[in-house]
Amino acid sequence: MYPRELISPQIKILKALREGPKSATELIKETELPITTLYYNLKTLIIHGLAVKVSRGKYAITEKGREILNKISIELTTYAKG
C-alpha cells in the first residue's frame, strides 16, 4: 500500500463513504478524524460535488467523488511501485 501520511482527510472520508451513506459519528470512528477536521473537509467535499448530505444527517459519496477516488488510488498505486 502507501504510507498513511499520504492519505489526506478528504481521501479518508471518501474511502469511508464508498461502502454507503454514513453519519458523522460513523465517519469519525472509521477515519479517526477530529470532529472539526471531519466537518471542515465534508463541507469542502460537498462544495466540490464529491459528497452530498442525504436524509437524517448521513453523507454519501457522489459519482464524481467515486471517479476522483479511483483516479487517486491508481496514481498512488503507480507512485508506490516506483
N, C-alpha and C. Protein backbone atom coordinates (compact mmCIF):
# COMPACT_ATOMS: atom_id res chain seq x y z
N MET A 1 0.85 -1.18 0.00
CA MET A 1 0.00 0.00 0.00
C MET A 1 0.89 1.24 0.00
N TYR A 2 0.42 2.35 0.56
CA TYR A 2 1.19 3.58 0.58
C TYR A 2 1.22 4.13 2.00
N PRO A 3 2.20 4.98 2.29
CA PRO A 3 2.33 5.49 3.66
C PRO A 3 1.06 6.19 4.12
N ARG A 4 0.68 5.96 5.37
CA ARG A 4 -0.54 6.55 5.95
C ARG A 4 -0.55 8.07 5.84
N GLU A 5 0.61 8.70 5.97
CA GLU A 5 0.66 10.16 5.95
C GLU A 5 0.29 10.75 4.59
N LEU A 6 0.28 9.93 3.54
CA LEU A 6 -0.13 10.41 2.22
C LEU A 6 -1.65 10.51 2.10
N ILE A 7 -2.36 9.94 3.04
CA ILE A 7 -3.82 9.92 2.95
C ILE A 7 -4.38 11.19 3.60
N SER A 8 -4.91 12.07 2.78
CA SER A 8 -5.49 13.30 3.32
C SER A 8 -6.83 13.00 3.97
N PRO A 9 -7.30 13.92 4.82
CA PRO A 9 -8.61 13.71 5.44
C PRO A 9 -9.73 13.51 4.41
N GLN A 10 -9.67 14.24 3.31
CA GLN A 10 -10.72 14.12 2.30
C GLN A 10 -10.71 12.75 1.64
N ILE A 11 -9.54 12.20 1.40
CA ILE A 11 -9.46 10.85 0.83
C ILE A 11 -9.99 9.83 1.83
N LYS A 12 -9.63 9.99 3.10
CA LYS A 12 -10.13 9.10 4.14
C LYS A 12 -11.66 9.11 4.17
N ILE A 13 -12.24 10.29 4.08
CA ILE A 13 -13.70 10.42 4.12
C ILE A 13 -14.33 9.75 2.90
N LEU A 14 -13.80 10.03 1.72
CA LEU A 14 -14.35 9.42 0.50
C LEU A 14 -14.24 7.90 0.55
N LYS A 15 -13.12 7.39 1.03
CA LYS A 15 -12.95 5.94 1.14
C LYS A 15 -13.98 5.34 2.10
N ALA A 16 -14.24 6.03 3.19
CA ALA A 16 -15.23 5.56 4.16
C ALA A 16 -16.64 5.56 3.57
N LEU A 17 -16.92 6.53 2.71
CA LEU A 17 -18.25 6.64 2.11
C LEU A 17 -18.48 5.68 0.94
N ARG A 18 -17.43 5.04 0.46
CA ARG A 18 -17.59 4.08 -0.65
C ARG A 18 -18.56 2.96 -0.31
N GLU A 19 -18.60 2.57 0.95
CA GLU A 19 -19.45 1.46 1.38
C GLU A 19 -20.91 1.84 1.52
N GLY A 20 -21.21 3.12 1.48
CA GLY A 20 -22.59 3.58 1.60
C GLY A 20 -22.67 4.79 2.52
N PRO A 21 -23.85 5.40 2.61
CA PRO A 21 -24.03 6.59 3.44
C PRO A 21 -23.67 6.33 4.90
N LYS A 22 -23.08 7.34 5.52
CA LYS A 22 -22.67 7.23 6.92
C LYS A 22 -22.93 8.54 7.63
N SER A 23 -23.17 8.43 8.93
CA SER A 23 -23.34 9.62 9.77
C SER A 23 -21.97 10.17 10.14
N ALA A 24 -21.97 11.38 10.69
CA ALA A 24 -20.71 11.98 11.14
C ALA A 24 -20.07 11.11 12.21
N THR A 25 -20.86 10.55 13.10
CA THR A 25 -20.33 9.69 14.16
C THR A 25 -19.64 8.47 13.57
N GLU A 26 -20.26 7.85 12.58
CA GLU A 26 -19.66 6.69 11.93
C GLU A 26 -18.36 7.07 11.21
N LEU A 27 -18.37 8.24 10.57
CA LEU A 27 -17.18 8.70 9.86
C LEU A 27 -16.03 9.01 10.82
N ILE A 28 -16.35 9.59 11.96
CA ILE A 28 -15.32 9.88 12.96
C ILE A 28 -14.67 8.59 13.44
N LYS A 29 -15.49 7.58 13.72
CA LYS A 29 -14.96 6.30 14.18
C LYS A 29 -14.09 5.64 13.11
N GLU A 30 -14.57 5.66 11.87
CA GLU A 30 -13.86 4.98 10.79
C GLU A 30 -12.59 5.70 10.35
N THR A 31 -12.64 7.02 10.29
CA THR A 31 -11.48 7.78 9.80
C THR A 31 -10.53 8.22 10.90
N GLU A 32 -11.00 8.20 12.14
CA GLU A 32 -10.22 8.66 13.30
C GLU A 32 -9.87 10.15 13.19
N LEU A 33 -10.72 10.90 12.53
CA LEU A 33 -10.51 12.35 12.40
C LEU A 33 -11.21 13.08 13.53
N PRO A 34 -10.63 14.19 14.00
CA PRO A 34 -11.34 15.03 14.97
C PRO A 34 -12.60 15.61 14.31
N ILE A 35 -13.60 15.88 15.10
CA ILE A 35 -14.89 16.34 14.57
C ILE A 35 -14.75 17.61 13.74
N THR A 36 -13.92 18.56 14.19
CA THR A 36 -13.76 19.81 13.42
C THR A 36 -13.12 19.54 12.06
N THR A 37 -12.14 18.65 12.03
CA THR A 37 -11.48 18.29 10.77
C THR A 37 -12.47 17.58 9.85
N LEU A 38 -13.28 16.70 10.42
CA LEU A 38 -14.27 15.98 9.62
C LEU A 38 -15.25 16.96 8.97
N TYR A 39 -15.85 17.83 9.76
CA TYR A 39 -16.85 18.75 9.21
C TYR A 39 -16.25 19.74 8.21
N TYR A 40 -15.06 20.22 8.48
CA TYR A 40 -14.40 21.14 7.54
C TYR A 40 -14.21 20.45 6.19
N ASN A 41 -13.71 19.22 6.22
CA ASN A 41 -13.44 18.51 4.98
C ASN A 41 -14.70 18.01 4.30
N LEU A 42 -15.72 17.63 5.06
CA LEU A 42 -17.01 17.27 4.45
C LEU A 42 -17.58 18.47 3.70
N LYS A 43 -17.51 19.64 4.32
CA LYS A 43 -18.01 20.86 3.66
C LYS A 43 -17.29 21.09 2.33
N THR A 44 -15.98 20.92 2.34
CA THR A 44 -15.19 21.10 1.11
C THR A 44 -15.59 20.07 0.06
N LEU A 45 -15.76 18.81 0.46
CA LEU A 45 -16.17 17.76 -0.48
C LEU A 45 -17.55 18.06 -1.07
N ILE A 46 -18.45 18.56 -0.25
CA ILE A 46 -19.81 18.89 -0.72
C ILE A 46 -19.76 20.06 -1.69
N ILE A 47 -19.01 21.09 -1.37
CA ILE A 47 -18.88 22.27 -2.24
C ILE A 47 -18.38 21.86 -3.63
N HIS A 48 -17.47 20.90 -3.67
CA HIS A 48 -16.88 20.48 -4.95
C HIS A 48 -17.63 19.33 -5.61
N GLY A 49 -18.76 18.94 -5.03
CA GLY A 49 -19.60 17.93 -5.65
C GLY A 49 -19.09 16.50 -5.51
N LEU A 50 -18.22 16.26 -4.51
CA LEU A 50 -17.68 14.91 -4.32
C LEU A 50 -18.45 14.11 -3.27
N ALA A 51 -19.23 14.81 -2.46
CA ALA A 51 -20.06 14.17 -1.45
C ALA A 51 -21.35 14.98 -1.31
N VAL A 52 -22.37 14.36 -0.75
CA VAL A 52 -23.65 15.03 -0.52
C VAL A 52 -24.18 14.63 0.85
N LYS A 53 -24.99 15.53 1.42
CA LYS A 53 -25.68 15.20 2.65
C LYS A 53 -27.02 14.58 2.26
N VAL A 54 -27.30 13.41 2.80
CA VAL A 54 -28.55 12.73 2.49
C VAL A 54 -29.44 12.72 3.73
N SER A 55 -30.56 12.06 3.65
CA SER A 55 -31.54 12.09 4.73
C SER A 55 -30.97 11.71 6.09
N ARG A 56 -31.55 12.31 7.10
CA ARG A 56 -31.24 12.01 8.51
C ARG A 56 -29.76 12.20 8.87
N GLY A 57 -29.14 13.23 8.31
CA GLY A 57 -27.79 13.58 8.71
C GLY A 57 -26.70 12.64 8.24
N LYS A 58 -26.98 11.88 7.21
CA LYS A 58 -25.95 10.99 6.67
C LYS A 58 -25.35 11.62 5.42
N TYR A 59 -24.13 11.19 5.14
CA TYR A 59 -23.40 11.70 3.99
C TYR A 59 -23.10 10.55 3.04
N ALA A 60 -23.01 10.88 1.74
CA ALA A 60 -22.75 9.87 0.73
C ALA A 60 -21.77 10.42 -0.30
N ILE A 61 -21.04 9.51 -0.92
CA ILE A 61 -20.13 9.88 -1.99
C ILE A 61 -20.94 10.02 -3.28
N THR A 62 -20.56 10.97 -4.13
CA THR A 62 -21.21 11.14 -5.43
C THR A 62 -20.45 10.34 -6.48
N GLU A 63 -21.02 10.26 -7.67
CA GLU A 63 -20.33 9.58 -8.76
C GLU A 63 -19.01 10.30 -9.08
N LYS A 64 -19.05 11.62 -9.06
CA LYS A 64 -17.83 12.40 -9.28
C LYS A 64 -16.79 12.07 -8.20
N GLY A 65 -17.24 11.92 -6.97
CA GLY A 65 -16.35 11.56 -5.87
C GLY A 65 -15.73 10.19 -6.08
N ARG A 66 -16.53 9.23 -6.56
CA ARG A 66 -16.01 7.89 -6.86
C ARG A 66 -14.95 7.93 -7.95
N GLU A 67 -15.22 8.72 -8.99
CA GLU A 67 -14.27 8.84 -10.09
C GLU A 67 -12.94 9.42 -9.61
N ILE A 68 -13.01 10.48 -8.82
CA ILE A 68 -11.80 11.11 -8.29
C ILE A 68 -11.05 10.13 -7.39
N LEU A 69 -11.76 9.44 -6.52
CA LEU A 69 -11.12 8.49 -5.61
C LEU A 69 -10.43 7.37 -6.39
N ASN A 70 -11.07 6.88 -7.44
CA ASN A 70 -10.45 5.84 -8.26
C ASN A 70 -9.17 6.35 -8.93
N LYS A 71 -9.20 7.58 -9.44
CA LYS A 71 -8.01 8.16 -10.08
C LYS A 71 -6.88 8.32 -9.08
N ILE A 72 -7.21 8.78 -7.89
CA ILE A 72 -6.20 8.96 -6.84
C ILE A 72 -5.60 7.61 -6.45
N SER A 73 -6.44 6.61 -6.31
CA SER A 73 -5.97 5.27 -5.95
C SER A 73 -5.01 4.72 -6.99
N ILE A 74 -5.34 4.90 -8.27
CA ILE A 74 -4.47 4.44 -9.35
C ILE A 74 -3.14 5.18 -9.31
N GLU A 75 -3.18 6.50 -9.12
CA GLU A 75 -1.95 7.29 -9.07
C GLU A 75 -1.08 6.90 -7.87
N LEU A 76 -1.69 6.67 -6.71
CA LEU A 76 -0.91 6.28 -5.54
C LEU A 76 -0.31 4.90 -5.70
N THR A 77 -1.05 3.99 -6.34
CA THR A 77 -0.51 2.66 -6.59
C THR A 77 0.68 2.74 -7.54
N THR A 78 0.56 3.55 -8.58
CA THR A 78 1.65 3.75 -9.52
C THR A 78 2.86 4.37 -8.82
N TYR A 79 2.60 5.36 -7.97
CA TYR A 79 3.67 6.02 -7.22
C TYR A 79 4.39 5.04 -6.31
N ALA A 80 3.63 4.21 -5.62
CA ALA A 80 4.21 3.24 -4.68
C ALA A 80 5.09 2.21 -5.39
N LYS A 81 4.73 1.88 -6.62
CA LYS A 81 5.51 0.89 -7.37
C LYS A 81 6.82 1.48 -7.89
N GLY A 82 6.89 2.80 -7.90
CA GLY A 82 8.13 3.48 -8.30
C GLY A 82 8.19 3.66 -9.75
